[in-house]
Amino acid sequence: MQNERIFKMSFAGVYPHYITKAEKKGRTKEEVDTIIRWLTGYSQQQLQEVIDHNTSFADFFAQAPQLNPNVSKITGVICGYRVEDIENKLMQKIRYLDKLVDELAKGKAMERILRS
């Protein structure tokens, strides 16, 4: 039931929190957007449209042009769960995004965050 609530949440409602978390640590909105675009394949314009339309997390990932092929390189713990072990694929994608923003806020270099 908890997952369903998260899936229905508006991406636009959570997005400012990603920005705030990054900016508190001296990072930028542009870096957050770069991470989101890398993960999902959205262009900057498409990302803005998703935000403007209050798209749910479920639709945000369902409509994503292409999940990055290096997504399997995202590993580690976020919210008490190993992202690579999360069975629900939608929740795993959401946690991938959380993990990437967390790495940004912790000061990791963009090249490492984007698994280059």
PDB file of N, CA and C in Angstrom:
ATOM      1  N   MET A   1       0.823  -1.197   0.000  1.00  0.00           N
ATOM      2  CA  MET A   1       0.000   0.000   0.000  1.00  0.00           C
ATOM      3  C   MET A   1       0.866   1.259   0.000  1.00  0.00           C
ATOM      4  N   GLN A   2       1.963   1.229   0.749  1.00  0.00           N
ATOM      5  CA  GLN A   2       2.881   2.364   0.805  1.00  0.00           C
ATOM      6  C   GLN A   2       3.428   2.666  -0.587  1.00  0.00           C
ATOM      7  N   ASN A   3       3.770   1.612  -1.335  1.00  0.00           N
ATOM      8  CA  ASN A   3       4.291   1.803  -2.682  1.00  0.00           C
ATOM      9  C   ASN A   3       3.282   2.508  -3.569  1.00  0.00           C
ATOM     10  N   GLU A   4       2.027   2.115  -3.500  1.00  0.00           N
ATOM     11  CA  GLU A   4       0.992   2.727  -4.339  1.00  0.00           C
ATOM     12  C   GLU A   4       0.897   4.228  -4.093  1.00  0.00           C
ATOM     13  N   ARG A   5       1.018   4.612  -2.843  1.00  0.00           N
ATOM     14  CA  ARG A   5       0.961   6.038  -2.496  1.00  0.00           C
ATOM     15  C   ARG A   5       2.129   6.784  -3.144  1.00  0.00           C
ATOM     16  N   ILE A   6       3.305   6.197  -3.093  1.00  0.00           N
ATOM     17  CA  ILE A   6       4.490   6.814  -3.701  1.00  0.00           C
ATOM     18  C   ILE A   6       4.338   6.874  -5.217  1.00  0.00           C
ATOM     19  N   PHE A   7       3.842   5.814  -5.818  1.00  0.00           N
ATOM     20  CA  PHE A   7       3.691   5.761  -7.276  1.00  0.00           C
ATOM     21  C   PHE A   7       2.741   6.837  -7.783  1.00  0.00           C
ATOM     22  N   LYS A   8       1.736   7.175  -6.971  1.00  0.00           N
ATOM     23  CA  LYS A   8       0.741   8.177  -7.369  1.00  0.00           C
ATOM     24  C   LYS A   8       1.189   9.604  -7.074  1.00  0.00           C
ATOM     25  N   MET A   9       2.254   9.746  -6.290  1.00  0.00           N
ATOM     26  CA  MET A   9       2.747  11.088  -5.960  1.00  0.00           C
ATOM     27  C   MET A   9       3.189  11.802  -7.228  1.00  0.00           C
ATOM     28  N   SER A  10       2.991  13.096  -7.233  1.00  0.00           N
ATOM     29  CA  SER A  10       3.415  13.920  -8.353  1.00  0.00           C
ATOM     30  C   SER A  10       4.930  14.072  -8.334  1.00  0.00           C
ATOM     31  N   PHE A  11       5.560  13.811  -9.473  1.00  0.00           N
ATOM     32  CA  PHE A  11       7.003  14.038  -9.581  1.00  0.00           C
ATOM     33  C   PHE A  11       7.318  15.496  -9.269  1.00  0.00           C
ATOM     34  N   ALA A  12       6.465  16.410  -9.733  1.00  0.00           N
ATOM     35  CA  ALA A  12       6.666  17.842  -9.500  1.00  0.00           C
ATOM     36  C   ALA A  12       6.625  18.184  -8.011  1.00  0.00           C
ATOM     37  N   GLY A  13       5.936  17.388  -7.225  1.00  0.00           N
ATOM     38  CA  GLY A  13       5.874  17.623  -5.787  1.00  0.00           C
ATOM     39  C   GLY A  13       7.163  17.248  -5.066  1.00  0.00           C
ATOM     40  N   VAL A  14       7.905  16.297  -5.626  1.00  0.00           N
ATOM     41  CA  VAL A  14       9.141  15.820  -5.009  1.00  0.00           C
ATOM     42  C   VAL A  14      10.362  16.536  -5.593  1.00  0.00           C
ATOM     43  N   TYR A  15      10.273  16.932  -6.827  1.00  0.00           N
ATOM     44  CA  TYR A  15      11.383  17.578  -7.541  1.00  0.00           C
ATOM     45  C   TYR A  15      12.021  18.738  -6.761  1.00  0.00           C
ATOM     46  N   PRO A  16      11.222  19.659  -6.181  1.00  0.00           N
ATOM     47  CA  PRO A  16      11.848  20.754  -5.414  1.00  0.00           C
ATOM     48  C   PRO A  16      12.680  20.248  -4.230  1.00  0.00           C
ATOM     49  N   HIS A  17      12.309  19.106  -3.686  1.00  0.00           N
ATOM     50  CA  HIS A  17      13.073  18.538  -2.571  1.00  0.00           C
ATOM     51  C   HIS A  17      14.433  18.032  -3.044  1.00  0.00           C
ATOM     52  N   TYR A  18      14.459  17.478  -4.243  1.00  0.00           N
ATOM     53  CA  TYR A  18      15.745  17.072  -4.836  1.00  0.00           C
ATOM     54  C   TYR A  18      16.649  18.297  -4.999  1.00  0.00           C
ATOM     55  N   ILE A  19      16.065  19.373  -5.515  1.00  0.00           N
ATOM     56  CA  ILE A  19      16.822  20.606  -5.747  1.00  0.00           C
ATOM     57  C   ILE A  19      17.346  21.154  -4.417  1.00  0.00           C
ATOM     58  N   THR A  20      16.476  21.234  -3.420  1.00  0.00           N
ATOM     59  CA  THR A  20      16.854  21.752  -2.108  1.00  0.00           C
ATOM     60  C   THR A  20      17.975  20.932  -1.485  1.00  0.00           C
ATOM     61  N   LYS A  21      17.843  19.616  -1.563  1.00  0.00           N
ATOM     62  CA  LYS A  21      18.866  18.735  -0.989  1.00  0.00           C
ATOM     63  C   LYS A  21      20.221  19.001  -1.643  1.00  0.00           C
ATOM     64  N   ALA A  22      20.232  19.145  -2.949  1.00  0.00           N
ATOM     65  CA  ALA A  22      21.479  19.400  -3.677  1.00  0.00           C
ATOM     66  C   ALA A  22      22.039  20.784  -3.355  1.00  0.00           C
ATOM     67  N   GLU A  23      21.171  21.786  -3.375  1.00  0.00           N
ATOM     68  CA  GLU A  23      21.636  23.165  -3.149  1.00  0.00           C
ATOM     69  C   GLU A  23      22.163  23.373  -1.737  1.00  0.00           C
ATOM     70  N   LYS A  24      21.608  22.675  -0.748  1.00  0.00           N
ATOM     71  CA  LYS A  24      22.109  22.783   0.623  1.00  0.00           C
ATOM     72  C   LYS A  24      23.562  22.340   0.717  1.00  0.00           C
ATOM     73  N   LYS A  25      23.973  21.500  -0.219  1.00  0.00           N
ATOM     74  CA  LYS A  25      25.340  20.982  -0.222  1.00  0.00           C
ATOM     75  C   LYS A  25      26.206  21.640  -1.301  1.00  0.00           C
ATOM     76  N   GLY A  26      25.725  22.778  -1.821  1.00  0.00           N
ATOM     77  CA  GLY A  26      26.524  23.522  -2.781  1.00  0.00           C
ATOM     78  C   GLY A  26      26.433  23.036  -4.215  1.00  0.00           C
ATOM     79  N   ARG A  27      25.473  22.176  -4.499  1.00  0.00           N
ATOM     80  CA  ARG A  27      25.288  21.692  -5.863  1.00  0.00           C
ATOM     81  C   ARG A  27      24.162  22.501  -6.513  1.00  0.00           C
ATOM     82  N   THR A  28      23.878  22.246  -7.783  1.00  0.00           N
ATOM     83  CA  THR A  28      22.936  23.095  -8.512  1.00  0.00           C
ATOM     84  C   THR A  28      21.730  22.340  -9.064  1.00  0.00           C
ATOM     85  N   LYS A  29      20.700  23.106  -9.376  1.00  0.00           N
ATOM     86  CA  LYS A  29      19.507  22.573 -10.044  1.00  0.00           C
ATOM     87  C   LYS A  29      19.898  21.939 -11.377  1.00  0.00           C
ATOM     88  N   GLU A  30      20.838  22.575 -12.085  1.00  0.00           N
ATOM     89  CA  GLU A  30      21.277  22.053 -13.380  1.00  0.00           C
ATOM     90  C   GLU A  30      21.898  20.668 -13.229  1.00  0.00           C
ATOM     91  N   GLU A  31      22.627  20.459 -12.143  1.00  0.00           N
ATOM     92  CA  GLU A  31      23.215  19.136 -11.905  1.00  0.00           C
ATOM     93  C   GLU A  31      22.134  18.102 -11.609  1.00  0.00           C
ATOM     94  N   VAL A  32      21.121  18.485 -10.852  1.00  0.00           N
ATOM     95  CA  VAL A  32      20.000  17.579 -10.584  1.00  0.00           C
ATOM     96  C   VAL A  32      19.311  17.230 -11.900  1.00  0.00           C
ATOM     97  N   ASP A  33      19.061  18.235 -12.736  1.00  0.00           N
ATOM     98  CA  ASP A  33      18.416  17.987 -14.028  1.00  0.00           C
ATOM     99  C   ASP A  33      19.267  17.067 -14.901  1.00  0.00           C
ATOM    100  N   THR A  34      20.573  17.255 -14.876  1.00  0.00           N
ATOM    101  CA  THR A  34      21.474  16.393 -15.655  1.00  0.00           C
ATOM    102  C   THR A  34      21.338  14.943 -15.219  1.00  0.00           C
ATOM    103  N   ILE A  35      21.275  14.725 -13.919  1.00  0.00           N
ATOM    104  CA  ILE A  35      21.108  13.368 -13.379  1.00  0.00           C
ATOM    105  C   ILE A  35      19.780  12.764 -13.842  1.00  0.00           C
ATOM    106  N   ILE A  36      18.714  13.530 -13.736  1.00  0.00           N
ATOM    107  CA  ILE A  36      17.389  13.039 -14.127  1.00  0.00           C
ATOM    108  C   ILE A  36      17.374  12.709 -15.618  1.00  0.00           C
ATOM    109  N   ARG A  37      17.948  13.595 -16.418  1.00  0.00           N
ATOM    110  CA  ARG A  37      17.977  13.355 -17.874  1.00  0.00           C
ATOM    111  C   ARG A  37      18.829  12.132 -18.203  1.00  0.00           C
ATOM    112  N   TRP A  38      19.952  11.972 -17.510  1.00  0.00           N
ATOM    113  CA  TRP A  38      20.812  10.802 -17.732  1.00  0.00           C
ATOM    114  C   TRP A  38      20.055   9.506 -17.428  1.00  0.00           C
ATOM    115  N   LEU A  39      19.346   9.497 -16.305  1.00  0.00           N
ATOM    116  CA  LEU A  39      18.637   8.293 -15.875  1.00  0.00           C
ATOM    117  C   LEU A  39      17.471   7.945 -16.799  1.00  0.00           C
ATOM    118  N   THR A  40      16.718   8.952 -17.224  1.00  0.00           N
ATOM    119  CA  THR A  40      15.433   8.710 -17.905  1.00  0.00           C
ATOM    120  C   THR A  40      15.440   8.912 -19.415  1.00  0.00           C
ATOM    121  N   GLY A  41      16.401   9.663 -19.918  1.00  0.00           N
ATOM    122  CA  GLY A  41      16.403   9.963 -21.348  1.00  0.00           C
ATOM    123  C   GLY A  41      15.550  11.160 -21.728  1.00  0.00           C
ATOM    124  N   TYR A  42      14.913  11.803 -20.749  1.00  0.00           N
ATOM    125  CA  TYR A  42      14.130  13.008 -21.039  1.00  0.00           C
ATOM    126  C   TYR A  42      15.056  14.126 -21.503  1.00  0.00           C
ATOM    127  N   SER A  43      14.557  14.963 -22.411  1.00  0.00           N
ATOM    128  CA  SER A  43      15.252  16.210 -22.728  1.00  0.00           C
ATOM    129  C   SER A  43      14.874  17.219 -21.652  1.00  0.00           C
ATOM    130  N   GLN A  44      15.560  18.362 -21.629  1.00  0.00           N
ATOM    131  CA  GLN A  44      15.222  19.389 -20.641  1.00  0.00           C
ATOM    132  C   GLN A  44      13.785  19.869 -20.846  1.00  0.00           C
ATOM    133  N   GLN A  45      13.372  20.025 -22.085  1.00  0.00           N
ATOM    134  CA  GLN A  45      12.003  20.474 -22.377  1.00  0.00           C
ATOM    135  C   GLN A  45      10.978  19.428 -21.931  1.00  0.00           C
ATOM    136  N   GLN A  46      11.258  18.152 -22.198  1.00  0.00           N
ATOM    137  CA  GLN A  46      10.344  17.092 -21.772  1.00  0.00           C
ATOM    138  C   GLN A  46      10.259  17.032 -20.250  1.00  0.00           C
ATOM    139  N   LEU A  47      11.386  17.216 -19.594  1.00  0.00           N
ATOM    140  CA  LEU A  47      11.402  17.215 -18.132  1.00  0.00           C
ATOM    141  C   LEU A  47      10.537  18.346 -17.602  1.00  0.00           C
ATOM    142  N   GLN A  48      10.647  19.521 -18.184  1.00  0.00           N
ATOM    143  CA  GLN A  48       9.835  20.655 -17.752  1.00  0.00           C
ATOM    144  C   GLN A  48       8.353  20.386 -17.972  1.00  0.00           C
ATOM    145  N   GLU A  49       8.006  19.718 -19.071  1.00  0.00           N
ATOM    146  CA  GLU A  49       6.601  19.383 -19.341  1.00  0.00           C
ATOM    147  C   GLU A  49       6.062  18.413 -18.293  1.00  0.00           C
ATOM    148  N   VAL A  50       6.865  17.441 -17.910  1.00  0.00           N
ATOM    149  CA  VAL A  50       6.469  16.485 -16.871  1.00  0.00           C
ATOM    150  C   VAL A  50       6.174  17.233 -15.568  1.00  0.00           C
ATOM    151  N   ILE A  51       7.046  18.183 -15.236  1.00  0.00           N
ATOM    152  CA  ILE A  51       6.870  18.973 -14.015  1.00  0.00           C
ATOM    153  C   ILE A  51       5.614  19.836 -14.128  1.00  0.00           C
ATOM    154  N   ASP A  52       5.438  20.491 -15.269  1.00  0.00           N
ATOM    155  CA  ASP A  52       4.280  21.377 -15.472  1.00  0.00           C
ATOM    156  C   ASP A  52       2.949  20.634 -15.410  1.00  0.00           C
ATOM    157  N   HIS A  53       2.946  19.361 -15.802  1.00  0.00           N
ATOM    158  CA  HIS A  53       1.698  18.583 -15.852  1.00  0.00           C
ATOM    159  C   HIS A  53       1.450  17.749 -14.597  1.00  0.00           C
ATOM    160  N   ASN A  54       2.283  17.948 -13.566  1.00  0.00           N
ATOM    161  CA  ASN A  54       2.120  17.193 -12.312  1.00  0.00           C
ATOM    162  C   ASN A  54       2.017  15.690 -12.545  1.00  0.00           C
ATOM    163  N   THR A  55       2.875  15.178 -13.385  1.00  0.00           N
ATOM    164  CA  THR A  55       2.893  13.759 -13.727  1.00  0.00           C
ATOM    165  C   THR A  55       3.242  12.924 -12.496  1.00  0.00           C
ATOM    166  N   SER A  56       2.550  11.810 -12.327  1.00  0.00           N
ATOM    167  CA  SER A  56       2.838  10.916 -11.201  1.00  0.00           C
ATOM    168  C   SER A  56       4.178  10.218 -11.433  1.00  0.00           C
ATOM    169  N   PHE A  57       4.760   9.689 -10.361  1.00  0.00           N
ATOM    170  CA  PHE A  57       6.006   8.938 -10.504  1.00  0.00           C
ATOM    171  C   PHE A  57       5.807   7.743 -11.436  1.00  0.00           C
ATOM    172  N   ALA A  58       4.664   7.068 -11.323  1.00  0.00           N
ATOM    173  CA  ALA A  58       4.398   5.917 -12.194  1.00  0.00           C
ATOM    174  C   ALA A  58       4.444   6.338 -13.659  1.00  0.00           C
ATOM    175  N   ASP A  59       3.754   7.425 -13.997  1.00  0.00           N
ATOM    176  CA  ASP A  59       3.751   7.894 -15.379  1.00  0.00           C
ATOM    177  C   ASP A  59       5.098   8.495 -15.779  1.00  0.00           C
ATOM    178  N   PHE A  60       5.770   9.142 -14.847  1.00  0.00           N
ATOM    179  CA  PHE A  60       7.083   9.720 -15.116  1.00  0.00           C
ATOM    180  C   PHE A  60       8.039   8.653 -15.660  1.00  0.00           C
ATOM    181  N   PHE A  61       8.073   7.509 -15.002  1.00  0.00           N
ATOM    182  CA  PHE A  61       8.969   6.448 -15.457  1.00  0.00           C
ATOM    183  C   PHE A  61       8.379   5.662 -16.621  1.00  0.00           C
ATOM    184  N   ALA A  62       7.062   5.501 -16.667  1.00  0.00           N
ATOM    185  CA  ALA A  62       6.437   4.786 -17.787  1.00  0.00           C
ATOM    186  C   ALA A  62       6.641   5.540 -19.102  1.00  0.00           C
ATOM    187  N   GLN A  63       6.635   6.864 -19.041  1.00  0.00           N
ATOM    188  CA  GLN A  63       6.770   7.692 -20.239  1.00  0.00           C
ATOM    189  C   GLN A  63       8.219   8.078 -20.541  1.00  0.00           C
ATOM    190  N   ALA A  64       9.143   7.681 -19.684  1.00  0.00           N
ATOM    191  CA  ALA A  64      10.551   8.040 -19.888  1.00  0.00           C
ATOM    192  C   ALA A  64      11.027   7.488 -21.228  1.00  0.00           C
ATOM    193  N   PRO A  65      11.689   8.327 -22.029  1.00  0.00           N
ATOM    194  CA  PRO A  65      12.141   7.885 -23.349  1.00  0.00           C
ATOM    195  C   PRO A  65      12.989   6.611 -23.311  1.00  0.00           C
ATOM    196  N   GLN A  66      13.951   6.555 -22.387  1.00  0.00           N
ATOM    197  CA  GLN A  66      14.785   5.354 -22.289  1.00  0.00           C
ATOM    198  C   GLN A  66      15.580   5.393 -20.996  1.00  0.00           C
ATOM    199  N   LEU A  67      15.425   4.346 -20.199  1.00  0.00           N
ATOM    200  CA  LEU A  67      16.225   4.240 -18.996  1.00  0.00           C
ATOM    201  C   LEU A  67      17.676   4.011 -19.417  1.00  0.00           C
ATOM    202  N   ASN A  68      18.592   4.687 -18.769  1.00  0.00           N
ATOM    203  CA  ASN A  68      19.997   4.597 -19.147  1.00  0.00           C
ATOM    204  C   ASN A  68      20.481   3.145 -19.067  1.00  0.00           C
ATOM    205  N   PRO A  69      21.216   2.687 -20.085  1.00  0.00           N
ATOM    206  CA  PRO A  69      21.698   1.298 -20.071  1.00  0.00           C
ATOM    207  C   PRO A  69      22.676   1.008 -18.932  1.00  0.00           C
ATOM    208  N   ASN A  70      23.276   2.027 -18.331  1.00  0.00           N
ATOM    209  CA  ASN A  70      24.202   1.828 -17.215  1.00  0.00           C
ATOM    210  C   ASN A  70      23.513   1.831 -15.859  1.00  0.00           C
ATOM    211  N   VAL A  71      22.192   1.776 -15.851  1.00  0.00           N
ATOM    212  CA  VAL A  71      21.438   1.845 -14.601  1.00  0.00           C
ATOM    213  C   VAL A  71      21.815   0.696 -13.660  1.00  0.00           C
ATOM    214  N   SER A  72      22.223  -0.426 -14.199  1.00  0.00           N
ATOM    215  CA  SER A  72      22.594  -1.568 -13.351  1.00  0.00           C
ATOM    216  C   SER A  72      23.867  -1.293 -12.550  1.00  0.00           C
ATOM    217  N   LYS A  73      24.607  -0.249 -12.919  1.00  0.00           N
ATOM    218  CA  LYS A  73      25.814   0.124 -12.182  1.00  0.00           C
ATOM    219  C   LYS A  73      25.496   0.931 -10.926  1.00  0.00           C
ATOM    220  N   ILE A  74      24.229   1.316 -10.766  1.00  0.00           N
ATOM    221  CA  ILE A  74      23.819   2.050  -9.559  1.00  0.00           C
ATOM    222  C   ILE A  74      23.587   1.014  -8.467  1.00  0.00           C
ATOM    223  N   THR A  75      24.427   1.052  -7.453  1.00  0.00           N
ATOM    224  CA  THR A  75      24.317   0.102  -6.345  1.00  0.00           C
ATOM    225  C   THR A  75      24.449   0.850  -5.023  1.00  0.00           C
ATOM    226  N   GLY A  76      24.100   0.174  -3.973  1.00  0.00           N
ATOM    227  CA  GLY A  76      24.240   0.763  -2.649  1.00  0.00           C
ATOM    228  C   GLY A  76      22.918   0.835  -1.920  1.00  0.00           C
ATOM    229  N   VAL A  77      22.950   1.452  -0.765  1.00  0.00           N
ATOM    230  CA  VAL A  77      21.790   1.502   0.113  1.00  0.00           C
ATOM    231  C   VAL A  77      21.167   2.892   0.073  1.00  0.00           C
ATOM    232  N   ILE A  78      19.851   2.922  -0.056  1.00  0.00           N
ATOM    233  CA  ILE A  78      19.079   4.160   0.042  1.00  0.00           C
ATOM    234  C   ILE A  78      17.793   3.828   0.799  1.00  0.00           C
ATOM    235  N   CYS A  79      17.470   4.625   1.771  1.00  0.00           N
ATOM    236  CA  CYS A  79      16.271   4.411   2.597  1.00  0.00           C
ATOM    237  C   CYS A  79      16.258   3.013   3.220  1.00  0.00           C
ATOM    238  N   GLY A  80      17.438   2.501   3.552  1.00  0.00           N
ATOM    239  CA  GLY A  80      17.529   1.206   4.213  1.00  0.00           C
ATOM    240  C   GLY A  80      17.449  -0.004   3.297  1.00  0.00           C
ATOM    241  N   TYR A  81      17.390   0.199   1.990  1.00  0.00           N
ATOM    242  CA  TYR A  81      17.285  -0.906   1.039  1.00  0.00           C
ATOM    243  C   TYR A  81      18.430  -0.845   0.035  1.00  0.00           C
ATOM    244  N   ARG A  82      18.965  -2.003  -0.341  1.00  0.00           N
ATOM    245  CA  ARG A  82      19.950  -2.063  -1.422  1.00  0.00           C
ATOM    246  C   ARG A  82      19.190  -1.886  -2.730  1.00  0.00           C
ATOM    247  N   VAL A  83      19.529  -0.854  -3.495  1.00  0.00           N
ATOM    248  CA  VAL A  83      18.761  -0.554  -4.712  1.00  0.00           C
ATOM    249  C   VAL A  83      18.789  -1.704  -5.701  1.00  0.00           C
ATOM    250  N   GLU A  84      19.891  -2.417  -5.755  1.00  0.00           N
ATOM    251  CA  GLU A  84      19.979  -3.518  -6.714  1.00  0.00           C
ATOM    252  C   GLU A  84      19.111  -4.717  -6.340  1.00  0.00           C
ATOM    253  N   ASP A  85      18.628  -4.767  -5.082  1.00  0.00           N
ATOM    254  CA  ASP A  85      17.808  -5.888  -4.616  1.00  0.00           C
ATOM    255  C   ASP A  85      16.314  -5.584  -4.558  1.00  0.00           C
ATOM    256  N   ILE A  86      15.908  -4.370  -4.882  1.00  0.00           N
ATOM    257  CA  ILE A  86      14.484  -4.008  -4.829  1.00  0.00           C
ATOM    258  C   ILE A  86      13.752  -4.739  -5.948  1.00  0.00           C
ATOM    259  N   GLU A  87      12.747  -5.509  -5.592  1.00  0.00           N
ATOM    260  CA  GLU A  87      12.058  -6.358  -6.566  1.00  0.00           C
ATOM    261  C   GLU A  87      11.064  -5.597  -7.435  1.00  0.00           C
ATOM    262  N   ASN A  88      10.341  -4.647  -6.862  1.00  0.00           N
ATOM    263  CA  ASN A  88       9.375  -3.883  -7.639  1.00  0.00           C
ATOM    264  C   ASN A  88      10.150  -2.931  -8.546  1.00  0.00           C
ATOM    265  N   LYS A  89      10.013  -3.106  -9.850  1.00  0.00           N
ATOM    266  CA  LYS A  89      10.832  -2.351 -10.810  1.00  0.00           C
ATOM    267  C   LYS A  89      10.568  -0.850 -10.759  1.00  0.00           C
ATOM    268  N   LEU A  90       9.333  -0.434 -10.545  1.00  0.00           N
ATOM    269  CA  LEU A  90       9.040   0.997 -10.455  1.00  0.00           C
ATOM    270  C   LEU A  90       9.677   1.586  -9.198  1.00  0.00           C
ATOM    271  N   MET A  91       9.544   0.899  -8.081  1.00  0.00           N
ATOM    272  CA  MET A  91      10.162   1.390  -6.844  1.00  0.00           C
ATOM    273  C   MET A  91      11.678   1.422  -7.009  1.00  0.00           C
ATOM    274  N   GLN A  92      12.234   0.453  -7.702  1.00  0.00           N
ATOM    275  CA  GLN A  92      13.673   0.432  -7.931  1.00  0.00           C
ATOM    276  C   GLN A  92      14.111   1.661  -8.732  1.00  0.00           C
ATOM    277  N   LYS A  93      13.349   2.039  -9.745  1.00  0.00           N
ATOM    278  CA  LYS A  93      13.679   3.226 -10.541  1.00  0.00           C
ATOM    279  C   LYS A  93      13.612   4.492  -9.695  1.00  0.00           C
ATOM    280  N   ILE A  94      12.599   4.577  -8.843  1.00  0.00           N
ATOM    281  CA  ILE A  94      12.464   5.738  -7.957  1.00  0.00           C
ATOM    282  C   ILE A  94      13.664   5.802  -7.014  1.00  0.00           C
ATOM    283  N   ARG A  95      14.054   4.669  -6.475  1.00  0.00           N
ATOM    284  CA  ARG A  95      15.199   4.628  -5.551  1.00  0.00           C
ATOM    285  C   ARG A  95      16.513   4.879  -6.280  1.00  0.00           C
ATOM    286  N   TYR A  96      16.615   4.483  -7.556  1.00  0.00           N
ATOM    287  CA  TYR A  96      17.797   4.842  -8.346  1.00  0.00           C
ATOM    288  C   TYR A  96      17.936   6.358  -8.378  1.00  0.00           C
ATOM    289  N   LEU A  97      16.836   7.043  -8.651  1.00  0.00           N
ATOM    290  CA  LEU A  97      16.864   8.499  -8.706  1.00  0.00           C
ATOM    291  C   LEU A  97      17.238   9.075  -7.343  1.00  0.00           C
ATOM    292  N   ASP A  98      16.640   8.553  -6.288  1.00  0.00           N
ATOM    293  CA  ASP A  98      16.982   9.004  -4.930  1.00  0.00           C
ATOM    294  C   ASP A  98      18.472   8.813  -4.661  1.00  0.00           C
ATOM    295  N   LYS A  99      19.006   7.676  -5.064  1.00  0.00           N
ATOM    296  CA  LYS A  99      20.418   7.358  -4.824  1.00  0.00           C
ATOM    297  C   LYS A  99      21.329   8.335  -5.568  1.00  0.00           C
ATOM    298  N   LEU A 100      20.992   8.642  -6.820  1.00  0.00           N
ATOM    299  CA  LEU A 100      21.812   9.557  -7.607  1.00  0.00           C
ATOM    300  C   LEU A 100      21.816  10.965  -7.003  1.00  0.00           C
ATOM    301  N   VAL A 101      20.648  11.438  -6.579  1.00  0.00           N
ATOM    302  CA  VAL A 101      20.564  12.762  -5.955  1.00  0.00           C
ATOM    303  C   VAL A 101      21.334  12.755  -4.630  1.00  0.00           C
ATOM    304  N   ASP A 102      21.245  11.666  -3.902  1.00  0.00           N
ATOM    305  CA  ASP A 102      21.976  11.537  -2.646  1.00  0.00           C
ATOM    306  C   ASP A 102      23.491  11.601  -2.894  1.00  0.00           C
ATOM    307  N   GLU A 103      23.958  10.913  -3.936  1.00  0.00           N
ATOM    308  CA  GLU A 103      25.382  10.954  -4.267  1.00  0.00           C
ATOM    309  C   GLU A 103      25.815  12.373  -4.632  1.00  0.00           C
ATOM    310  N   LEU A 104      24.960  13.086  -5.361  1.00  0.00           N
ATOM    311  CA  LEU A 104      25.256  14.470  -5.718  1.00  0.00           C
ATOM    312  C   LEU A 104      25.405  15.312  -4.453  1.00  0.00           C
ATOM    313  N   ALA A 105      24.463  15.164  -3.542  1.00  0.00           N
ATOM    314  CA  ALA A 105      24.484  15.945  -2.302  1.00  0.00           C
ATOM    315  C   ALA A 105      25.682  15.592  -1.421  1.00  0.00           C
ATOM    316  N   LYS A 106      26.185  14.387  -1.574  1.00  0.00           N
ATOM    317  CA  LYS A 106      27.346  13.973  -0.777  1.00  0.00           C
ATOM    318  C   LYS A 106      28.662  14.405  -1.410  1.00  0.00           C
ATOM    319  N   GLY A 107      28.576  15.095  -2.554  1.00  0.00           N
ATOM    320  CA  GLY A 107      29.777  15.668  -3.134  1.00  0.00           C
ATOM    321  C   GLY A 107      30.489  14.821  -4.164  1.00  0.00           C
ATOM    322  N   LYS A 108      29.889  13.732  -4.583  1.00  0.00           N
ATOM    323  CA  LYS A 108      30.540  12.916  -5.610  1.00  0.00           C
ATOM    324  C   LYS A 108      30.673  13.692  -6.907  1.00  0.00           C
ATOM    325  N   ALA A 109      31.697  13.378  -7.666  1.00  0.00           N
ATOM    326  CA  ALA A 109      31.905  14.002  -8.975  1.00  0.00           C
ATOM    327  C   ALA A 109      30.838  13.515  -9.949  1.00  0.00           C
ATOM    328  N   MET A 110      30.407  14.397 -10.853  1.00  0.00           N
ATOM    329  CA  MET A 110      29.368  14.043 -11.824  1.00  0.00           C
ATOM    330  C   MET A 110      29.764  12.820 -12.653  1.00  0.00           C
ATOM    331  N   GLU A 111      31.036  12.691 -13.004  1.00  0.00           N
ATOM    332  CA  GLU A 111      31.471  11.547 -13.807  1.00  0.00           C
ATOM    333  C   GLU A 111      31.199  10.233 -13.082  1.00  0.00           C
ATOM    334  N   ARG A 112      31.392  10.235 -11.781  1.00  0.00           N
ATOM    335  CA  ARG A 112      31.126   9.014 -10.986  1.00  0.00           C
ATOM    336  C   ARG A 112      29.626   8.791 -10.831  1.00  0.00           C
ATOM    337  N   ILE A 113      28.873   9.852 -10.615  1.00  0.00           N
ATOM    338  CA  ILE A 113      27.431   9.738 -10.453  1.00  0.00           C
ATOM    339  C   ILE A 113      26.810   9.187 -11.735  1.00  0.00           C
ATOM    340  N   LEU A 114      27.291   9.675 -12.878  1.00  0.00           N
ATOM    341  CA  LEU A 114      26.731   9.265 -14.170  1.00  0.00           C
ATOM    342  C   LEU A 114      27.379   7.987 -14.703  1.00  0.00           C
ATOM    343  N   ARG A 115      28.140   7.332 -13.850  1.00  0.00           N
ATOM    344  CA  ARG A 115      28.753   6.040 -14.182  1.00  0.00           C
ATOM    345  C   ARG A 115      29.509   6.099 -15.502  1.00  0.00           C
ATOM    346  N   SER A 116      30.294   7.176 -15.684  1.00  0.00           N
ATOM    347  CA  SER A 116      31.074   7.337 -16.921  1.00  0.00           C
ATOM    348  C   SER A 116      32.396   6.611 -16.829  1.00  0.00           C
TER     349      SER A 116
END
